[in-house]
Amino acid sequence: IYYTLADADNDKCTVSIAVSNNDGSTWTITPSPSSLSGYIGSNIY
């Protein structure tokens, strides 16, 4: 997953993802921390 994060104040951000299995009608799937790596979680510039 690639993305661009912008913040006018250059603040550190908390980044998260959610997953839908019905074209975005609901977002009930939250990936577990152990399944994620990269620029995810807190202190993301």
PDB file of all heavy atoms in Angstrom:
ATOM      1  N   ILE A   1       0.859  -1.192   0.000  1.00  0.00           N
ATOM      2  CA  ILE A   1       0.000   0.000   0.000  1.00  0.00           C
ATOM      3  C   ILE A   1       0.890   1.235   0.000  1.00  0.00           C
ATOM      4  O   ILE A   1       1.756   1.388   0.867  1.00  0.00           O
ATOM      5  CB  ILE A   1      -0.918   0.008   1.242  1.00  0.00           C
ATOM      6  CG1 ILE A   1      -1.752  -1.276   1.303  1.00  0.00           C
ATOM      7  CG2 ILE A   1      -1.831   1.235   1.244  1.00  0.00           C
ATOM      8  CD1 ILE A   1      -2.417  -1.505   2.652  1.00  0.00           C
ATOM      9  N   TYR A   2       0.687   2.102  -0.970  1.00  0.00           N
ATOM     10  CA  TYR A   2       1.461   3.343  -1.069  1.00  0.00           C
ATOM     11  C   TYR A   2       0.517   4.535  -0.904  1.00  0.00           C
ATOM     12  O   TYR A   2      -0.640   4.496  -1.354  1.00  0.00           O
ATOM     13  CB  TYR A   2       2.177   3.420  -2.411  1.00  0.00           C
ATOM     14  CG  TYR A   2       3.247   2.361  -2.581  1.00  0.00           C
ATOM     15  CD1 TYR A   2       2.926   1.098  -3.076  1.00  0.00           C
ATOM     16  CD2 TYR A   2       4.558   2.629  -2.228  1.00  0.00           C
ATOM     17  CE1 TYR A   2       3.900   0.122  -3.214  1.00  0.00           C
ATOM     18  CE2 TYR A   2       5.549   1.658  -2.366  1.00  0.00           C
ATOM     19  CZ  TYR A   2       5.214   0.408  -2.858  1.00  0.00           C
ATOM     20  OH  TYR A   2       6.178  -0.554  -2.993  1.00  0.00           O
ATOM     21  N   TYR A   3       1.027   5.592  -0.278  1.00  0.00           N
ATOM     22  CA  TYR A   3       0.195   6.784  -0.088  1.00  0.00           C
ATOM     23  C   TYR A   3       1.089   8.005   0.122  1.00  0.00           C
ATOM     24  O   TYR A   3       2.291   7.876   0.425  1.00  0.00           O
ATOM     25  CB  TYR A   3      -0.744   6.608   1.115  1.00  0.00           C
ATOM     26  CG  TYR A   3      -0.045   6.529   2.456  1.00  0.00           C
ATOM     27  CD1 TYR A   3       0.085   7.653   3.270  1.00  0.00           C
ATOM     28  CD2 TYR A   3       0.476   5.319   2.930  1.00  0.00           C
ATOM     29  CE1 TYR A   3       0.715   7.579   4.505  1.00  0.00           C
ATOM     30  CE2 TYR A   3       1.109   5.237   4.161  1.00  0.00           C
ATOM     31  CZ  TYR A   3       1.228   6.378   4.947  1.00  0.00           C
ATOM     32  OH  TYR A   3       1.869   6.308   6.167  1.00  0.00           O
ATOM     33  N   THR A   4       0.491   9.179  -0.044  1.00  0.00           N
ATOM     34  CA  THR A   4       1.170  10.444   0.232  1.00  0.00           C
ATOM     35  C   THR A   4       0.491  11.101   1.420  1.00  0.00           C
ATOM     36  O   THR A   4      -0.732  11.274   1.434  1.00  0.00           O
ATOM     37  CB  THR A   4       1.108  11.396  -0.972  1.00  0.00           C
ATOM     38  OG1 THR A   4       1.766  10.786  -2.085  1.00  0.00           O
ATOM     39  CG2 THR A   4       1.787  12.727  -0.643  1.00  0.00           C
ATOM     40  N   LEU A   5       1.275  11.444   2.424  1.00  0.00           N
ATOM     41  CA  LEU A   5       0.767  12.106   3.618  1.00  0.00           C
ATOM     42  C   LEU A   5       1.239  13.554   3.611  1.00  0.00           C
ATOM     43  O   LEU A   5       2.437  13.824   3.476  1.00  0.00           O
ATOM     44  CB  LEU A   5       1.276  11.392   4.873  1.00  0.00           C
ATOM     45  CG  LEU A   5       0.935  12.035   6.217  1.00  0.00           C
ATOM     46  CD1 LEU A   5      -0.564  12.073   6.438  1.00  0.00           C
ATOM     47  CD2 LEU A   5       1.628  11.276   7.359  1.00  0.00           C
ATOM     48  N   ALA A   6       0.306  14.486   3.735  1.00  0.00           N
ATOM     49  CA  ALA A   6       0.640  15.913   3.775  1.00  0.00           C
ATOM     50  C   ALA A   6       0.063  16.527   5.040  1.00  0.00           C
ATOM     51  O   ALA A   6      -1.016  16.140   5.498  1.00  0.00           O
ATOM     52  CB  ALA A   6       0.079  16.621   2.548  1.00  0.00           C
ATOM     53  N   ASP A   7       0.785  17.475   5.600  1.00  0.00           N
ATOM     54  CA  ASP A   7       0.300  18.225   6.756  1.00  0.00           C
ATOM     55  C   ASP A   7       0.945  19.601   6.718  1.00  0.00           C
ATOM     56  O   ASP A   7       2.183  19.713   6.695  1.00  0.00           O
ATOM     57  CB  ASP A   7       0.639  17.515   8.065  1.00  0.00           C
ATOM     58  CG  ASP A   7      -0.001  18.186   9.263  1.00  0.00           C
ATOM     59  OD1 ASP A   7       0.603  19.137   9.798  1.00  0.00           O
ATOM     60  OD2 ASP A   7      -1.104  17.775   9.652  1.00  0.00           O
ATOM     61  N   ALA A   8       0.117  20.649   6.698  1.00  0.00           N
ATOM     62  CA  ALA A   8       0.626  22.013   6.548  1.00  0.00           C
ATOM     63  C   ALA A   8       1.559  22.419   7.679  1.00  0.00           C
ATOM     64  O   ALA A   8       2.405  23.295   7.517  1.00  0.00           O
ATOM     65  CB  ALA A   8      -0.542  22.998   6.449  1.00  0.00           C
ATOM     66  N   ASP A   9       1.388  21.806   8.850  1.00  0.00           N
ATOM     67  CA  ASP A   9       2.217  22.130  10.005  1.00  0.00           C
ATOM     68  C   ASP A   9       3.405  21.181  10.162  1.00  0.00           C
ATOM     69  O   ASP A   9       4.167  21.297  11.119  1.00  0.00           O
ATOM     70  CB  ASP A   9       1.370  22.074  11.278  1.00  0.00           C
ATOM     71  CG  ASP A   9       0.062  22.822  11.120  1.00  0.00           C
ATOM     72  OD1 ASP A   9       0.117  24.014  10.831  1.00  0.00           O
ATOM     73  OD2 ASP A   9      -1.004  22.194  11.264  1.00  0.00           O
ATOM     74  N   ASN A  10       3.527  20.194   9.231  1.00  0.00           N
ATOM     75  CA  ASN A  10       4.574  19.182   9.291  1.00  0.00           C
ATOM     76  C   ASN A  10       4.524  18.391  10.596  1.00  0.00           C
ATOM     77  O   ASN A  10       5.544  17.971  11.140  1.00  0.00           O
ATOM     78  CB  ASN A  10       5.965  19.803   9.102  1.00  0.00           C
ATOM     79  CG  ASN A  10       6.989  18.789   8.626  1.00  0.00           C
ATOM     80  OD1 ASN A  10       6.685  17.938   7.794  1.00  0.00           O
ATOM     81  ND2 ASN A  10       8.213  18.883   9.137  1.00  0.00           N
ATOM     82  N   ASP A  11       3.303  18.192  11.096  1.00  0.00           N
ATOM     83  CA  ASP A  11       3.135  17.421  12.331  1.00  0.00           C
ATOM     84  C   ASP A  11       3.368  15.933  12.082  1.00  0.00           C
ATOM     85  O   ASP A  11       3.079  15.412  11.007  1.00  0.00           O
ATOM     86  CB  ASP A  11       1.718  17.592  12.875  1.00  0.00           C
ATOM     87  CG  ASP A  11       1.432  19.001  13.369  1.00  0.00           C
ATOM     88  OD1 ASP A  11       2.399  19.677  13.768  1.00  0.00           O
ATOM     89  OD2 ASP A  11       0.261  19.399  13.360  1.00  0.00           O
ATOM     90  N   LYS A  12       3.858  15.243  13.112  1.00  0.00           N
ATOM     91  CA  LYS A  12       3.840  13.792  13.090  1.00  0.00           C
ATOM     92  C   LYS A  12       2.392  13.324  13.188  1.00  0.00           C
ATOM     93  O   LYS A  12       1.589  13.917  13.912  1.00  0.00           O
ATOM     94  CB  LYS A  12       4.648  13.215  14.259  1.00  0.00           C
ATOM     95  CG  LYS A  12       6.150  13.414  14.151  1.00  0.00           C
ATOM     96  CD  LYS A  12       6.839  12.776  15.338  1.00  0.00           C
ATOM     97  CE  LYS A  12       8.347  12.901  15.258  1.00  0.00           C
ATOM     98  NZ  LYS A  12       9.012  12.276  16.425  1.00  0.00           N
ATOM     99  N   CYS A  13       2.061  12.257  12.484  1.00  0.00           N
ATOM    100  CA  CYS A  13       0.681  11.784  12.432  1.00  0.00           C
ATOM    101  C   CYS A  13       0.585  10.327  12.865  1.00  0.00           C
ATOM    102  O   CYS A  13       1.569   9.585  12.830  1.00  0.00           O
ATOM    103  CB  CYS A  13       0.116  11.919  11.020  1.00  0.00           C
ATOM    104  SG  CYS A  13       0.063  13.616  10.396  1.00  0.00           S
ATOM    105  N   THR A  14      -0.613   9.937  13.256  1.00  0.00           N
ATOM    106  CA  THR A  14      -0.932   8.538  13.482  1.00  0.00           C
ATOM    107  C   THR A  14      -1.675   8.031  12.261  1.00  0.00           C
ATOM    108  O   THR A  14      -2.723   8.573  11.898  1.00  0.00           O
ATOM    109  CB  THR A  14      -1.794   8.364  14.737  1.00  0.00           C
ATOM    110  OG1 THR A  14      -1.055   8.824  15.879  1.00  0.00           O
ATOM    111  CG2 THR A  14      -2.173   6.899  14.936  1.00  0.00           C
ATOM    112  N   VAL A  15      -1.127   7.009  11.608  1.00  0.00           N
ATOM    113  CA  VAL A  15      -1.692   6.480  10.368  1.00  0.00           C
ATOM    114  C   VAL A  15      -2.284   5.101  10.646  1.00  0.00           C
ATOM    115  O   VAL A  15      -1.682   4.281  11.344  1.00  0.00           O
ATOM    116  CB  VAL A  15      -0.620   6.395   9.262  1.00  0.00           C
ATOM    117  CG1 VAL A  15      -1.174   5.721   8.008  1.00  0.00           C
ATOM    118  CG2 VAL A  15      -0.102   7.787   8.930  1.00  0.00           C
ATOM    119  N   SER A  16      -3.459   4.861  10.101  1.00  0.00           N
ATOM    120  CA  SER A  16      -4.106   3.566  10.267  1.00  0.00           C
ATOM    121  C   SER A  16      -4.788   3.170   8.970  1.00  0.00           C
ATOM    122  O   SER A  16      -4.986   4.007   8.075  1.00  0.00           O
ATOM    123  CB  SER A  16      -5.134   3.619  11.403  1.00  0.00           C
ATOM    124  OG  SER A  16      -6.131   4.584  11.137  1.00  0.00           O
ATOM    125  N   ILE A  17      -5.115   1.885   8.855  1.00  0.00           N
ATOM    126  CA  ILE A  17      -5.867   1.427   7.688  1.00  0.00           C
ATOM    127  C   ILE A  17      -7.055   0.603   8.161  1.00  0.00           C
ATOM    128  O   ILE A  17      -7.057   0.037   9.255  1.00  0.00           O
ATOM    129  CB  ILE A  17      -5.013   0.615   6.692  1.00  0.00           C
ATOM    130  CG1 ILE A  17      -4.593  -0.725   7.299  1.00  0.00           C
ATOM    131  CG2 ILE A  17      -3.816   1.405   6.222  1.00  0.00           C
ATOM    132  CD1 ILE A  17      -3.951  -1.650   6.269  1.00  0.00           C
ATOM    133  N   ALA A  18      -8.069   0.590   7.316  1.00  0.00           N
ATOM    134  CA  ALA A  18      -9.239  -0.264   7.538  1.00  0.00           C
ATOM    135  C   ALA A  18      -9.588  -0.913   6.213  1.00  0.00           C
ATOM    136  O   ALA A  18      -9.257  -0.388   5.137  1.00  0.00           O
ATOM    137  CB  ALA A  18     -10.410   0.556   8.069  1.00  0.00           C
ATOM    138  N   VAL A  19     -10.249  -2.043   6.288  1.00  0.00           N
ATOM    139  CA  VAL A  19     -10.562  -2.814   5.087  1.00  0.00           C
ATOM    140  C   VAL A  19     -12.060  -3.093   5.055  1.00  0.00           C
ATOM    141  O   VAL A  19     -12.679  -3.391   6.087  1.00  0.00           O
ATOM    142  CB  VAL A  19      -9.768  -4.133   5.052  1.00  0.00           C
ATOM    143  CG1 VAL A  19     -10.127  -4.954   3.817  1.00  0.00           C
ATOM    144  CG2 VAL A  19      -8.261  -3.848   5.096  1.00  0.00           C
ATOM    145  N   SER A  20     -12.632  -2.982   3.861  1.00  0.00           N
ATOM    146  CA  SER A  20     -14.034  -3.321   3.629  1.00  0.00           C
ATOM    147  C   SER A  20     -14.115  -4.527   2.702  1.00  0.00           C
ATOM    148  O   SER A  20     -13.298  -4.667   1.787  1.00  0.00           O
ATOM    149  CB  SER A  20     -14.764  -2.136   2.992  1.00  0.00           C
ATOM    150  OG  SER A  20     -16.044  -2.505   2.523  1.00  0.00           O
ATOM    151  N   ASN A  21     -15.092  -5.395   2.916  1.00  0.00           N
ATOM    152  CA  ASN A  21     -15.309  -6.526   2.008  1.00  0.00           C
ATOM    153  C   ASN A  21     -16.626  -6.390   1.240  1.00  0.00           C
ATOM    154  O   ASN A  21     -17.125  -7.344   0.685  1.00  0.00           O
ATOM    155  CB  ASN A  21     -15.292  -7.850   2.768  1.00  0.00           C
ATOM    156  CG  ASN A  21     -16.401  -7.932   3.820  1.00  0.00           C
ATOM    157  OD1 ASN A  21     -17.178  -6.999   3.986  1.00  0.00           O
ATOM    158  ND2 ASN A  21     -16.442  -9.052   4.520  1.00  0.00           N
ATOM    159  N   ASN A  22     -17.182  -5.142   1.233  1.00  0.00           N
ATOM    160  CA  ASN A  22     -18.448  -4.918   0.528  1.00  0.00           C
ATOM    161  C   ASN A  22     -18.461  -3.580  -0.205  1.00  0.00           C
ATOM    162  O   ASN A  22     -19.406  -2.812  -0.097  1.00  0.00           O
ATOM    163  CB  ASN A  22     -19.631  -5.008   1.505  1.00  0.00           C
ATOM    164  CG  ASN A  22     -19.470  -4.080   2.703  1.00  0.00           C
ATOM    165  OD1 ASN A  22     -18.607  -3.203   2.718  1.00  0.00           O
ATOM    166  ND2 ASN A  22     -20.315  -4.267   3.709  1.00  0.00           N
ATOM    167  N   ASP A  23     -17.388  -3.317  -0.942  1.00  0.00           N
ATOM    168  CA  ASP A  23     -17.273  -2.104  -1.765  1.00  0.00           C
ATOM    169  C   ASP A  23     -17.329  -0.819  -0.945  1.00  0.00           C
ATOM    170  O   ASP A  23     -17.726   0.226  -1.448  1.00  0.00           O
ATOM    171  CB  ASP A  23     -18.353  -2.058  -2.846  1.00  0.00           C
ATOM    172  CG  ASP A  23     -18.056  -2.992  -4.012  1.00  0.00           C
ATOM    173  OD1 ASP A  23     -16.879  -3.080  -4.392  1.00  0.00           O
ATOM    174  OD2 ASP A  23     -18.994  -3.634  -4.520  1.00  0.00           O
ATOM    175  N   GLY A  24     -16.944  -0.854   0.316  1.00  0.00           N
ATOM    176  CA  GLY A  24     -16.878   0.349   1.131  1.00  0.00           C
ATOM    177  C   GLY A  24     -18.149   0.690   1.870  1.00  0.00           C
ATOM    178  O   GLY A  24     -18.226   1.754   2.505  1.00  0.00           O
ATOM    179  N   SER A  25     -19.147  -0.178   1.838  1.00  0.00           N
ATOM    180  CA  SER A  25     -20.370   0.092   2.597  1.00  0.00           C
ATOM    181  C   SER A  25     -20.099   0.099   4.097  1.00  0.00           C
ATOM    182  O   SER A  25     -20.641   0.922   4.841  1.00  0.00           O
ATOM    183  CB  SER A  25     -21.441  -0.946   2.270  1.00  0.00           C
ATOM    184  OG  SER A  25     -21.846  -0.848   0.920  1.00  0.00           O
ATOM    185  N   THR A  26     -19.278  -0.816   4.550  1.00  0.00           N
ATOM    186  CA  THR A  26     -18.843  -0.843   5.947  1.00  0.00           C
ATOM    187  C   THR A  26     -17.351  -1.149   5.984  1.00  0.00           C
ATOM    188  O   THR A  26     -16.800  -1.736   5.054  1.00  0.00           O
ATOM    189  CB  THR A  26     -19.603  -1.903   6.763  1.00  0.00           C
ATOM    190  OG1 THR A  26     -19.390  -3.203   6.177  1.00  0.00           O
ATOM    191  CG2 THR A  26     -21.088  -1.595   6.804  1.00  0.00           C
ATOM    192  N   TRP A  27     -16.716  -0.734   7.081  1.00  0.00           N
ATOM    193  CA  TRP A  27     -15.273  -0.943   7.239  1.00  0.00           C
ATOM    194  C   TRP A  27     -15.046  -1.716   8.532  1.00  0.00           C
ATOM    195  O   TRP A  27     -14.640  -1.166   9.547  1.00  0.00           O
ATOM    196  CB  TRP A  27     -14.546   0.400   7.253  1.00  0.00           C
ATOM    197  CG  TRP A  27     -14.756   1.172   5.993  1.00  0.00           C
ATOM    198  CD1 TRP A  27     -15.749   2.049   5.728  1.00  0.00           C
ATOM    199  CD2 TRP A  27     -13.960   1.091   4.815  1.00  0.00           C
ATOM    200  NE1 TRP A  27     -15.629   2.540   4.448  1.00  0.00           N
ATOM    201  CE2 TRP A  27     -14.533   1.968   3.861  1.00  0.00           C
ATOM    202  CE3 TRP A  27     -12.814   0.360   4.457  1.00  0.00           C
ATOM    203  CZ2 TRP A  27     -14.011   2.135   2.589  1.00  0.00           C
ATOM    204  CZ3 TRP A  27     -12.285   0.546   3.186  1.00  0.00           C
ATOM    205  CH2 TRP A  27     -12.871   1.413   2.276  1.00  0.00           C
ATOM    206  N   THR A  28     -15.312  -2.991   8.497  1.00  0.00           N
ATOM    207  CA  THR A  28     -15.321  -3.813   9.711  1.00  0.00           C
ATOM    208  C   THR A  28     -14.042  -4.604   9.923  1.00  0.00           C
ATOM    209  O   THR A  28     -13.886  -5.263  10.950  1.00  0.00           O
ATOM    210  CB  THR A  28     -16.510  -4.787   9.664  1.00  0.00           C
ATOM    211  OG1 THR A  28     -16.417  -5.596   8.488  1.00  0.00           O
ATOM    212  CG2 THR A  28     -17.834  -4.025   9.641  1.00  0.00           C
ATOM    213  N   ILE A  29     -13.127  -4.565   8.958  1.00  0.00           N
ATOM    214  CA  ILE A  29     -11.901  -5.348   9.061  1.00  0.00           C
ATOM    215  C   ILE A  29     -10.752  -4.425   9.444  1.00  0.00           C
ATOM    216  O   ILE A  29     -10.403  -3.502   8.689  1.00  0.00           O
ATOM    217  CB  ILE A  29     -11.581  -6.061   7.738  1.00  0.00           C
ATOM    218  CG1 ILE A  29     -12.751  -6.962   7.327  1.00  0.00           C
ATOM    219  CG2 ILE A  29     -10.289  -6.860   7.859  1.00  0.00           C
ATOM    220  CD1 ILE A  29     -12.661  -7.459   5.902  1.00  0.00           C
ATOM    221  N   THR A  30     -10.188  -4.642  10.624  1.00  0.00           N
ATOM    222  CA  THR A  30      -9.040  -3.868  11.082  1.00  0.00           C
ATOM    223  C   THR A  30      -7.828  -4.773  11.132  1.00  0.00           C
ATOM    224  O   THR A  30      -7.755  -5.680  11.976  1.00  0.00           O
ATOM    225  CB  THR A  30      -9.296  -3.267  12.478  1.00  0.00           C
ATOM    226  OG1 THR A  30     -10.461  -2.455  12.441  1.00  0.00           O
ATOM    227  CG2 THR A  30      -8.109  -2.434  12.931  1.00  0.00           C
ATOM    228  N   PRO A  31      -6.875  -4.593  10.227  1.00  0.00           N
ATOM    229  CA  PRO A  31      -5.688  -5.460  10.222  1.00  0.00           C
ATOM    230  C   PRO A  31      -4.974  -5.440  11.567  1.00  0.00           C
ATOM    231  O   PRO A  31      -4.859  -4.401  12.213  1.00  0.00           O
ATOM    232  CB  PRO A  31      -4.818  -4.858   9.116  1.00  0.00           C
ATOM    233  CG  PRO A  31      -5.811  -4.224   8.184  1.00  0.00           C
ATOM    234  CD  PRO A  31      -6.863  -3.651   9.085  1.00  0.00           C
ATOM    235  N   SER A  32      -4.499  -6.595  11.995  1.00  0.00           N
ATOM    236  CA  SER A  32      -3.805  -6.695  13.277  1.00  0.00           C
ATOM    237  C   SER A  32      -2.417  -6.074  13.178  1.00  0.00           C
ATOM    238  O   SER A  32      -1.786  -6.084  12.115  1.00  0.00           O
ATOM    239  CB  SER A  32      -3.678  -8.160  13.686  1.00  0.00           C
ATOM    240  OG  SER A  32      -2.978  -8.898  12.694  1.00  0.00           O
ATOM    241  N   PRO A  33      -1.917  -5.507  14.274  1.00  0.00           N
ATOM    242  CA  PRO A  33      -0.584  -4.895  14.244  1.00  0.00           C
ATOM    243  C   PRO A  33       0.504  -5.839  13.759  1.00  0.00           C
ATOM    244  O   PRO A  33       1.450  -5.418  13.083  1.00  0.00           O
ATOM    245  CB  PRO A  33      -0.363  -4.473  15.706  1.00  0.00           C
ATOM    246  CG  PRO A  33      -1.748  -4.274  16.247  1.00  0.00           C
ATOM    247  CD  PRO A  33      -2.579  -5.315  15.572  1.00  0.00           C
ATOM    248  N   SER A  34       0.380  -7.136  14.087  1.00  0.00           N
ATOM    249  CA  SER A  34       1.417  -8.096  13.699  1.00  0.00           C
ATOM    250  C   SER A  34       1.454  -8.337  12.192  1.00  0.00           C
ATOM    251  O   SER A  34       2.462  -8.833  11.671  1.00  0.00           O
ATOM    252  CB  SER A  34       1.191  -9.425  14.425  1.00  0.00           C
ATOM    253  OG  SER A  34      -0.050 -10.005  14.039  1.00  0.00           O
ATOM    254  N   SER A  35       0.374  -7.971  11.485  1.00  0.00           N
ATOM    255  CA  SER A  35       0.330  -8.197  10.041  1.00  0.00           C
ATOM    256  C   SER A  35       0.812  -6.993   9.250  1.00  0.00           C
ATOM    257  O   SER A  35       0.892  -7.049   8.016  1.00  0.00           O
ATOM    258  CB  SER A  35      -1.106  -8.533   9.609  1.00  0.00           C
ATOM    259  OG  SER A  35      -1.948  -7.400   9.717  1.00  0.00           O
ATOM    260  N   LEU A  36       1.168  -5.896   9.937  1.00  0.00           N
ATOM    261  CA  LEU A  36       1.505  -4.641   9.288  1.00  0.00           C
ATOM    262  C   LEU A  36       2.942  -4.238   9.558  1.00  0.00           C
ATOM    263  O   LEU A  36       3.484  -4.472  10.640  1.00  0.00           O
ATOM    264  CB  LEU A  36       0.579  -3.524   9.784  1.00  0.00           C
ATOM    265  CG  LEU A  36      -0.911  -3.687   9.489  1.00  0.00           C
ATOM    266  CD1 LEU A  36      -1.718  -2.680  10.289  1.00  0.00           C
ATOM    267  CD2 LEU A  36      -1.181  -3.520   7.996  1.00  0.00           C
ATOM    268  N   SER A  37       3.542  -3.607   8.571  1.00  0.00           N
ATOM    269  CA  SER A  37       4.864  -3.014   8.736  1.00  0.00           C
ATOM    270  C   SER A  37       4.953  -1.799   7.822  1.00  0.00           C
ATOM    271  O   SER A  37       4.072  -1.551   7.000  1.00  0.00           O
ATOM    272  CB  SER A  37       5.970  -4.023   8.406  1.00  0.00           C
ATOM    273  OG  SER A  37       5.869  -4.457   7.060  1.00  0.00           O
ATOM    274  N   GLY A  38       6.014  -1.026   7.976  1.00  0.00           N
ATOM    275  CA  GLY A  38       6.168   0.180   7.170  1.00  0.00           C
ATOM    276  C   GLY A  38       5.689   1.407   7.916  1.00  0.00           C
ATOM    277  O   GLY A  38       5.765   1.470   9.152  1.00  0.00           O
ATOM    278  N   TYR A  39       5.175   2.373   7.186  1.00  0.00           N
ATOM    279  CA  TYR A  39       4.784   3.657   7.758  1.00  0.00           C
ATOM    280  C   TYR A  39       3.335   3.586   8.233  1.00  0.00           C
ATOM    281  O   TYR A  39       2.411   4.106   7.617  1.00  0.00           O
ATOM    282  CB  TYR A  39       4.981   4.776   6.738  1.00  0.00           C
ATOM    283  CG  TYR A  39       6.435   5.052   6.450  1.00  0.00           C
ATOM    284  CD1 TYR A  39       7.114   4.359   5.448  1.00  0.00           C
ATOM    285  CD2 TYR A  39       7.152   5.992   7.198  1.00  0.00           C
ATOM    286  CE1 TYR A  39       8.456   4.605   5.180  1.00  0.00           C
ATOM    287  CE2 TYR A  39       8.494   6.246   6.944  1.00  0.00           C
ATOM    288  CZ  TYR A  39       9.138   5.537   5.936  1.00  0.00           C
ATOM    289  OH  TYR A  39      10.468   5.789   5.680  1.00  0.00           O
ATOM    290  N   ILE A  40       3.166   2.939   9.375  1.00  0.00           N
ATOM    291  CA  ILE A  40       1.864   2.703   9.973  1.00  0.00           C
ATOM    292  C   ILE A  40       2.011   2.925  11.475  1.00  0.00           C
ATOM    293  O   ILE A  40       3.075   2.688  12.039  1.00  0.00           O
ATOM    294  CB  ILE A  40       1.350   1.269   9.674  1.00  0.00           C
ATOM    295  CG1 ILE A  40      -0.080   1.053  10.193  1.00  0.00           C
ATOM    296  CG2 ILE A  40       2.313   0.237  10.227  1.00  0.00           C
ATOM    297  CD1 ILE A  40      -1.127   1.650   9.326  1.00  0.00           C
ATOM    298  N   GLY A  41       0.961   3.424  12.135  1.00  0.00           N
ATOM    299  CA  GLY A  41       1.038   3.684  13.560  1.00  0.00           C
ATOM    300  C   GLY A  41       1.357   5.142  13.841  1.00  0.00           C
ATOM    301  O   GLY A  41       1.068   6.029  13.034  1.00  0.00           O
ATOM    302  N   SER A  42       1.978   5.410  14.967  1.00  0.00           N
ATOM    303  CA  SER A  42       2.228   6.784  15.403  1.00  0.00           C
ATOM    304  C   SER A  42       3.563   7.310  14.898  1.00  0.00           C
ATOM    305  O   SER A  42       4.407   6.567  14.393  1.00  0.00           O
ATOM    306  CB  SER A  42       2.184   6.855  16.930  1.00  0.00           C
ATOM    307  OG  SER A  42       3.151   5.994  17.497  1.00  0.00           O
ATOM    308  N   ASN A  43       3.736   8.633  15.036  1.00  0.00           N
ATOM    309  CA  ASN A  43       4.993   9.330  14.720  1.00  0.00           C
ATOM    310  C   ASN A  43       5.401   9.188  13.261  1.00  0.00           C
ATOM    311  O   ASN A  43       6.584   8.993  12.944  1.00  0.00           O
ATOM    312  CB  ASN A  43       6.114   8.834  15.634  1.00  0.00           C
ATOM    313  CG  ASN A  43       5.853   9.126  17.091  1.00  0.00           C
ATOM    314  OD1 ASN A  43       5.378  10.215  17.432  1.00  0.00           O
ATOM    315  ND2 ASN A  43       6.140   8.168  17.959  1.00  0.00           N
ATOM    316  N   ILE A  44       4.422   9.309  12.349  1.00  0.00           N
ATOM    317  CA  ILE A  44       4.706   9.245  10.916  1.00  0.00           C
ATOM    318  C   ILE A  44       4.780  10.656  10.366  1.00  0.00           C
ATOM    319  O   ILE A  44       3.808  11.413  10.436  1.00  0.00           O
ATOM    320  CB  ILE A  44       3.626   8.436  10.167  1.00  0.00           C
ATOM    321  CG1 ILE A  44       3.433   7.057  10.820  1.00  0.00           C
ATOM    322  CG2 ILE A  44       3.993   8.314   8.694  1.00  0.00           C
ATOM    323  CD1 ILE A  44       4.656   6.192  10.838  1.00  0.00           C
ATOM    324  N   TYR A  45       5.923  11.032   9.828  1.00  0.00           N
ATOM    325  CA  TYR A  45       6.075  12.354   9.226  1.00  0.00           C
ATOM    326  C   TYR A  45       5.461  12.382   7.827  1.00  0.00           C
ATOM    327  O   TYR A  45       5.378  11.351   7.149  1.00  0.00           O
ATOM    328  CB  TYR A  45       7.558  12.735   9.127  1.00  0.00           C
ATOM    329  CG  TYR A  45       8.098  13.429  10.349  1.00  0.00           C
ATOM    330  CD1 TYR A  45       9.110  12.854  11.099  1.00  0.00           C
ATOM    331  CD2 TYR A  45       7.603  14.666  10.750  1.00  0.00           C
ATOM    332  CE1 TYR A  45       9.628  13.488  12.226  1.00  0.00           C
ATOM    333  CE2 TYR A  45       8.110  15.310  11.872  1.00  0.00           C
ATOM    334  CZ  TYR A  45       9.115  14.727  12.600  1.00  0.00           C
ATOM    335  OH  TYR A  45       9.608  15.364  13.713  1.00  0.00           O
TER     336      TYR A  45
END
